[in-house]
N, C-alpha and C. Protein backbone atom coordinates (compact mmCIF):
# COMPACT_ATOMS: atom_id res chain seq x y z
N UNK A 1 0.84 -1.17 0.00
CA UNK A 1 0.00 0.00 0.00
C UNK A 1 0.89 1.24 0.00
N UNK A 2 0.47 2.25 -0.72
CA UNK A 2 1.13 3.54 -0.75
C UNK A 2 0.19 4.56 -0.15
N UNK A 3 0.65 5.30 0.83
CA UNK A 3 -0.19 6.31 1.47
C UNK A 3 0.57 7.63 1.52
N UNK A 4 -0.06 8.69 1.02
CA UNK A 4 0.52 10.03 1.01
C UNK A 4 -0.41 10.95 1.78
N UNK A 5 0.16 11.76 2.66
CA UNK A 5 -0.65 12.68 3.46
C UNK A 5 -0.05 14.08 3.41
N UNK A 6 -0.88 15.05 3.07
CA UNK A 6 -0.54 16.47 3.13
C UNK A 6 0.72 16.82 2.34
N UNK A 7 0.83 16.30 1.13
CA UNK A 7 1.96 16.58 0.27
C UNK A 7 1.85 17.99 -0.30
N UNK A 8 2.96 18.68 -0.36
CA UNK A 8 2.99 20.02 -0.94
C UNK A 8 4.23 20.20 -1.79
N UNK A 9 4.15 21.11 -2.76
CA UNK A 9 5.30 21.38 -3.62
C UNK A 9 5.27 22.85 -4.03
N UNK A 10 6.41 23.47 -3.96
CA UNK A 10 6.53 24.89 -4.33
C UNK A 10 7.72 25.03 -5.27
N UNK A 11 7.54 25.80 -6.33
CA UNK A 11 8.61 26.17 -7.25
C UNK A 11 8.83 27.66 -7.12
N UNK A 12 9.89 28.03 -6.42
CA UNK A 12 10.19 29.42 -6.10
C UNK A 12 8.96 30.07 -5.45
N UNK A 13 8.31 31.01 -6.11
CA UNK A 13 7.15 31.70 -5.52
C UNK A 13 5.82 31.08 -5.92
N UNK A 14 5.82 29.99 -6.70
CA UNK A 14 4.60 29.38 -7.20
C UNK A 14 4.24 28.15 -6.37
N UNK A 15 3.07 28.16 -5.76
CA UNK A 15 2.57 26.99 -5.04
C UNK A 15 1.94 26.05 -6.07
N UNK A 16 2.56 24.90 -6.28
CA UNK A 16 2.10 23.96 -7.29
C UNK A 16 1.16 22.91 -6.72
N UNK A 17 1.30 22.61 -5.45
CA UNK A 17 0.52 21.55 -4.83
C UNK A 17 0.37 21.85 -3.35
N UNK A 18 -0.84 21.65 -2.83
CA UNK A 18 -1.08 21.94 -1.42
C UNK A 18 -1.99 20.88 -0.82
N UNK A 19 -1.52 20.25 0.25
CA UNK A 19 -2.31 19.30 1.05
C UNK A 19 -2.92 18.16 0.24
N UNK A 20 -2.15 17.55 -0.63
CA UNK A 20 -2.62 16.39 -1.39
C UNK A 20 -2.46 15.14 -0.53
N UNK A 21 -3.54 14.38 -0.37
CA UNK A 21 -3.51 13.12 0.37
C UNK A 21 -4.22 12.05 -0.45
N UNK A 22 -3.64 10.85 -0.49
CA UNK A 22 -4.30 9.74 -1.18
C UNK A 22 -3.69 8.42 -0.72
N UNK A 23 -4.41 7.34 -0.99
CA UNK A 23 -3.95 5.99 -0.69
C UNK A 23 -4.13 5.15 -1.95
N UNK A 24 -3.10 4.35 -2.26
CA UNK A 24 -3.17 3.42 -3.38
C UNK A 24 -2.99 2.03 -2.80
N UNK A 25 -3.99 1.20 -2.98
CA UNK A 25 -3.96 -0.16 -2.44
C UNK A 25 -3.03 -1.05 -3.27
N UNK A 26 -2.53 -2.09 -2.65
CA UNK A 26 -1.67 -3.05 -3.33
C UNK A 26 -2.42 -3.65 -4.52
N UNK A 27 -1.77 -3.69 -5.66
CA UNK A 27 -2.40 -4.24 -6.86
C UNK A 27 -3.08 -3.21 -7.73
N UNK A 28 -3.31 -2.00 -7.23
CA UNK A 28 -3.92 -0.94 -8.03
C UNK A 28 -2.87 -0.25 -8.89
N UNK A 29 -3.31 0.31 -10.00
CA UNK A 29 -2.46 1.11 -10.87
C UNK A 29 -2.87 2.56 -10.69
N UNK A 30 -1.89 3.43 -10.48
CA UNK A 30 -2.17 4.83 -10.15
C UNK A 30 -1.23 5.73 -10.95
N UNK A 31 -1.78 6.73 -11.63
CA UNK A 31 -0.99 7.68 -12.41
C UNK A 31 -1.17 9.08 -11.86
N UNK A 32 -0.10 9.84 -11.83
CA UNK A 32 -0.16 11.28 -11.56
C UNK A 32 0.23 11.97 -12.86
N UNK A 33 -0.71 12.70 -13.46
CA UNK A 33 -0.46 13.34 -14.74
C UNK A 33 -0.36 14.85 -14.57
N UNK A 34 0.54 15.43 -15.32
CA UNK A 34 0.68 16.88 -15.31
C UNK A 34 -0.18 17.51 -16.39
N UNK A 35 -0.02 18.80 -16.56
CA UNK A 35 -0.83 19.57 -17.51
C UNK A 35 -0.69 19.04 -18.95
N UNK A 36 0.50 18.63 -19.32
CA UNK A 36 0.72 18.12 -20.67
C UNK A 36 0.72 16.59 -20.71
N UNK A 37 0.07 15.98 -19.74
CA UNK A 37 -0.10 14.53 -19.60
C UNK A 37 1.22 13.79 -19.37
N UNK A 38 2.22 14.50 -18.86
CA UNK A 38 3.44 13.83 -18.44
C UNK A 38 3.37 13.64 -16.94
N UNK A 39 4.06 12.72 -16.41
CA UNK A 39 4.00 12.53 -14.97
C UNK A 39 4.66 11.24 -14.55
N UNK A 40 4.27 10.80 -13.39
CA UNK A 40 4.82 9.59 -12.80
C UNK A 40 3.71 8.59 -12.60
N UNK A 41 4.06 7.32 -12.68
CA UNK A 41 3.07 6.29 -12.43
C UNK A 41 3.60 5.33 -11.38
N UNK A 42 2.70 4.68 -10.69
CA UNK A 42 3.06 3.69 -9.68
C UNK A 42 2.22 2.45 -9.93
N UNK A 43 2.85 1.32 -10.01
CA UNK A 43 2.09 0.06 -10.08
C UNK A 43 2.94 -1.06 -9.50
N UNK A 44 2.25 -2.11 -9.07
CA UNK A 44 2.95 -3.26 -8.49
C UNK A 44 3.06 -4.35 -9.53
């Protein structure tokens, strides 16, 4: 299981992410996509 709580990200003066929380159960496929559909994926 992957669990994220209150994740935040800032690029200089730009707040890109604030208080992101989620859980991904074992065996699930989960993608984080950016504005241009690039990003990171997690799968088991």
